[in-house]
Amino acid sequence: MKPIKVLELSEDDRLKLEKGYHKGPTHCFRIRCKSILLKSEGKSAPQIAEMLEVTVPTVYTWVKRYEENGIKGL
């Protein structure tokens, strides 16, 4: 089994994501922020997908968008 890729977040990025999760303008944006926070905690894409009731490819897409464009990518 492959090791789980953990996203490394700076304190500033973590704070922005937490703010987005709690006060984001849309439900979709808040869920995307939560997915990145969970990934940074070492959760796997299948675990996150189950928790947030989305598909595994969706989680991978959000992570890729975050890695490429930061919070603006969400």
N, C-alpha and C. Protein backbone atom coordinates (compact mmCIF):
# COMPACT_ATOMS: atom_id res chain seq x y z
N MET A 1 0.82 -1.18 0.00
CA MET A 1 0.00 0.00 0.00
C MET A 1 0.88 1.25 0.00
N LYS A 2 0.51 2.21 -0.85
CA LYS A 2 1.30 3.44 -0.94
C LYS A 2 1.11 4.30 0.31
N PRO A 3 2.16 5.01 0.71
CA PRO A 3 1.99 5.91 1.85
C PRO A 3 1.07 7.08 1.47
N ILE A 4 0.36 7.59 2.45
CA ILE A 4 -0.55 8.71 2.22
C ILE A 4 0.25 9.99 2.06
N LYS A 5 -0.05 10.73 1.00
CA LYS A 5 0.60 12.01 0.77
C LYS A 5 -0.02 13.04 1.71
N VAL A 6 0.81 13.68 2.52
CA VAL A 6 0.34 14.68 3.46
C VAL A 6 0.71 16.05 2.91
N LEU A 7 -0.27 16.93 2.84
CA LEU A 7 0.00 18.29 2.39
C LEU A 7 0.64 19.06 3.54
N GLU A 8 1.73 19.73 3.25
CA GLU A 8 2.38 20.58 4.25
C GLU A 8 1.82 21.99 4.08
N LEU A 9 1.22 22.53 5.14
CA LEU A 9 0.65 23.87 5.08
C LEU A 9 1.42 24.81 5.99
N SER A 10 1.63 26.03 5.52
CA SER A 10 2.19 27.04 6.40
C SER A 10 1.10 27.46 7.39
N GLU A 11 1.50 28.10 8.46
CA GLU A 11 0.52 28.56 9.45
C GLU A 11 -0.47 29.54 8.80
N ASP A 12 0.03 30.41 7.93
CA ASP A 12 -0.82 31.37 7.23
C ASP A 12 -1.84 30.66 6.35
N ASP A 13 -1.39 29.66 5.60
CA ASP A 13 -2.29 28.91 4.74
C ASP A 13 -3.35 28.16 5.56
N ARG A 14 -2.91 27.58 6.67
CA ARG A 14 -3.86 26.86 7.53
C ARG A 14 -4.93 27.81 8.06
N LEU A 15 -4.52 29.00 8.47
CA LEU A 15 -5.48 29.98 8.98
C LEU A 15 -6.46 30.41 7.90
N LYS A 16 -5.97 30.60 6.68
CA LYS A 16 -6.85 30.99 5.57
C LYS A 16 -7.86 29.89 5.27
N LEU A 17 -7.40 28.65 5.29
CA LEU A 17 -8.30 27.52 5.03
C LEU A 17 -9.33 27.36 6.15
N GLU A 18 -8.90 27.55 7.38
CA GLU A 18 -9.84 27.45 8.50
C GLU A 18 -10.89 28.55 8.41
N LYS A 19 -10.45 29.75 8.06
CA LYS A 19 -11.40 30.87 7.88
C LYS A 19 -12.36 30.55 6.74
N GLY A 20 -11.82 30.01 5.63
CA GLY A 20 -12.66 29.64 4.50
C GLY A 20 -13.66 28.56 4.87
N TYR A 21 -13.23 27.62 5.71
CA TYR A 21 -14.11 26.54 6.13
C TYR A 21 -15.25 27.07 7.00
N HIS A 22 -14.94 28.01 7.88
CA HIS A 22 -15.96 28.51 8.81
C HIS A 22 -16.79 29.65 8.24
N LYS A 23 -16.19 30.47 7.37
CA LYS A 23 -16.89 31.68 6.92
C LYS A 23 -16.94 31.84 5.41
N GLY A 24 -16.63 30.80 4.67
CA GLY A 24 -16.61 30.87 3.21
C GLY A 24 -17.96 31.25 2.64
N PRO A 25 -17.95 31.84 1.44
CA PRO A 25 -19.19 32.35 0.84
C PRO A 25 -20.18 31.27 0.40
N THR A 26 -19.68 30.07 0.09
CA THR A 26 -20.58 29.01 -0.38
C THR A 26 -20.26 27.70 0.35
N HIS A 27 -21.25 26.83 0.36
CA HIS A 27 -21.07 25.52 0.97
C HIS A 27 -19.95 24.74 0.26
N CYS A 28 -19.94 24.80 -1.07
CA CYS A 28 -18.93 24.08 -1.86
C CYS A 28 -17.52 24.54 -1.49
N PHE A 29 -17.32 25.84 -1.37
CA PHE A 29 -16.00 26.37 -1.01
C PHE A 29 -15.61 25.90 0.38
N ARG A 30 -16.54 25.92 1.32
CA ARG A 30 -16.24 25.48 2.68
C ARG A 30 -15.83 24.01 2.70
N ILE A 31 -16.51 23.17 1.94
CA ILE A 31 -16.17 21.74 1.88
C ILE A 31 -14.79 21.54 1.26
N ARG A 32 -14.48 22.30 0.23
CA ARG A 32 -13.16 22.19 -0.40
C ARG A 32 -12.06 22.58 0.58
N CYS A 33 -12.29 23.65 1.35
CA CYS A 33 -11.30 24.05 2.36
C CYS A 33 -11.12 22.94 3.39
N LYS A 34 -12.23 22.34 3.82
CA LYS A 34 -12.15 21.25 4.80
C LYS A 34 -11.37 20.07 4.25
N SER A 35 -11.56 19.77 2.96
CA SER A 35 -10.84 18.63 2.38
C SER A 35 -9.33 18.85 2.42
N ILE A 36 -8.89 20.06 2.16
CA ILE A 36 -7.45 20.36 2.19
C ILE A 36 -6.94 20.28 3.63
N LEU A 37 -7.71 20.78 4.58
CA LEU A 37 -7.30 20.69 5.98
C LEU A 37 -7.18 19.22 6.40
N LEU A 38 -8.13 18.40 6.00
CA LEU A 38 -8.06 16.97 6.34
C LEU A 38 -6.86 16.31 5.69
N LYS A 39 -6.56 16.68 4.46
CA LYS A 39 -5.39 16.11 3.77
C LYS A 39 -4.11 16.49 4.51
N SER A 40 -4.06 17.70 5.03
CA SER A 40 -2.87 18.14 5.77
C SER A 40 -2.73 17.42 7.11
N GLU A 41 -3.82 16.82 7.57
CA GLU A 41 -3.79 16.05 8.82
C GLU A 41 -3.43 14.58 8.58
N GLY A 42 -3.19 14.22 7.31
CA GLY A 42 -2.76 12.87 7.01
C GLY A 42 -3.88 11.91 6.62
N LYS A 43 -5.07 12.45 6.38
CA LYS A 43 -6.17 11.60 5.93
C LYS A 43 -5.96 11.22 4.47
N SER A 44 -6.42 10.05 4.09
CA SER A 44 -6.32 9.60 2.70
C SER A 44 -7.49 10.16 1.90
N ALA A 45 -7.34 10.18 0.58
CA ALA A 45 -8.42 10.66 -0.28
C ALA A 45 -9.70 9.84 -0.08
N PRO A 46 -9.62 8.50 0.01
CA PRO A 46 -10.85 7.74 0.26
C PRO A 46 -11.50 8.08 1.61
N GLN A 47 -10.70 8.32 2.63
CA GLN A 47 -11.25 8.70 3.93
C GLN A 47 -11.97 10.05 3.83
N ILE A 48 -11.32 11.01 3.17
CA ILE A 48 -11.91 12.34 3.03
C ILE A 48 -13.19 12.26 2.20
N ALA A 49 -13.15 11.49 1.13
CA ALA A 49 -14.33 11.34 0.27
C ALA A 49 -15.51 10.79 1.07
N GLU A 50 -15.25 9.81 1.89
CA GLU A 50 -16.32 9.23 2.71
C GLU A 50 -16.84 10.24 3.72
N MET A 51 -15.94 10.96 4.37
CA MET A 51 -16.34 11.93 5.39
C MET A 51 -17.17 13.07 4.79
N LEU A 52 -16.79 13.52 3.60
CA LEU A 52 -17.44 14.67 2.99
C LEU A 52 -18.52 14.28 1.97
N GLU A 53 -18.69 12.98 1.80
CA GLU A 53 -19.70 12.45 0.88
C GLU A 53 -19.51 12.95 -0.56
N VAL A 54 -18.27 12.80 -1.02
CA VAL A 54 -17.91 13.11 -2.41
C VAL A 54 -17.13 11.92 -2.95
N THR A 55 -16.76 11.96 -4.22
CA THR A 55 -15.99 10.86 -4.80
C THR A 55 -14.49 11.07 -4.56
N VAL A 56 -13.76 9.98 -4.63
CA VAL A 56 -12.30 10.04 -4.47
C VAL A 56 -11.66 10.91 -5.56
N PRO A 57 -12.06 10.77 -6.85
CA PRO A 57 -11.46 11.65 -7.87
C PRO A 57 -11.72 13.13 -7.58
N THR A 58 -12.85 13.44 -6.97
CA THR A 58 -13.13 14.83 -6.62
C THR A 58 -12.11 15.35 -5.62
N VAL A 59 -11.80 14.55 -4.62
CA VAL A 59 -10.80 14.95 -3.61
C VAL A 59 -9.46 15.18 -4.28
N TYR A 60 -9.05 14.27 -5.16
CA TYR A 60 -7.77 14.43 -5.86
C TYR A 60 -7.77 15.71 -6.70
N THR A 61 -8.89 16.03 -7.32
CA THR A 61 -8.99 17.25 -8.13
C THR A 61 -8.82 18.48 -7.25
N TRP A 62 -9.47 18.51 -6.10
CA TRP A 62 -9.36 19.65 -5.20
C TRP A 62 -7.93 19.82 -4.69
N VAL A 63 -7.28 18.71 -4.36
CA VAL A 63 -5.90 18.79 -3.88
C VAL A 63 -4.99 19.33 -4.98
N LYS A 64 -5.17 18.83 -6.19
CA LYS A 64 -4.35 19.31 -7.31
C LYS A 64 -4.57 20.80 -7.54
N ARG A 65 -5.83 21.23 -7.52
CA ARG A 65 -6.13 22.65 -7.72
C ARG A 65 -5.51 23.50 -6.62
N TYR A 66 -5.56 23.00 -5.39
CA TYR A 66 -4.96 23.74 -4.28
C TYR A 66 -3.44 23.83 -4.44
N GLU A 67 -2.82 22.72 -4.82
CA GLU A 67 -1.36 22.71 -5.00
C GLU A 67 -0.93 23.67 -6.11
N GLU A 68 -1.74 23.78 -7.15
CA GLU A 68 -1.38 24.63 -8.29
C GLU A 68 -1.70 26.10 -8.06
N ASN A 69 -2.81 26.39 -7.37
CA ASN A 69 -3.29 27.78 -7.28
C ASN A 69 -3.60 28.27 -5.87
N GLY A 70 -3.29 27.48 -4.87
CA GLY A 70 -3.59 27.90 -3.51
C GLY A 70 -5.09 27.97 -3.27
N ILE A 71 -5.48 28.74 -2.27
CA ILE A 71 -6.88 28.80 -1.89
C ILE A 71 -7.75 29.37 -3.01
N LYS A 72 -7.17 30.16 -3.88
CA LYS A 72 -7.92 30.70 -5.02
C LYS A 72 -8.35 29.59 -5.99
N GLY A 73 -7.64 28.49 -5.98
CA GLY A 73 -7.97 27.36 -6.83
C GLY A 73 -9.20 26.59 -6.36
N LEU A 74 -9.61 26.86 -5.13
CA LEU A 74 -10.77 26.15 -4.59
C LEU A 74 -12.05 26.86 -4.95
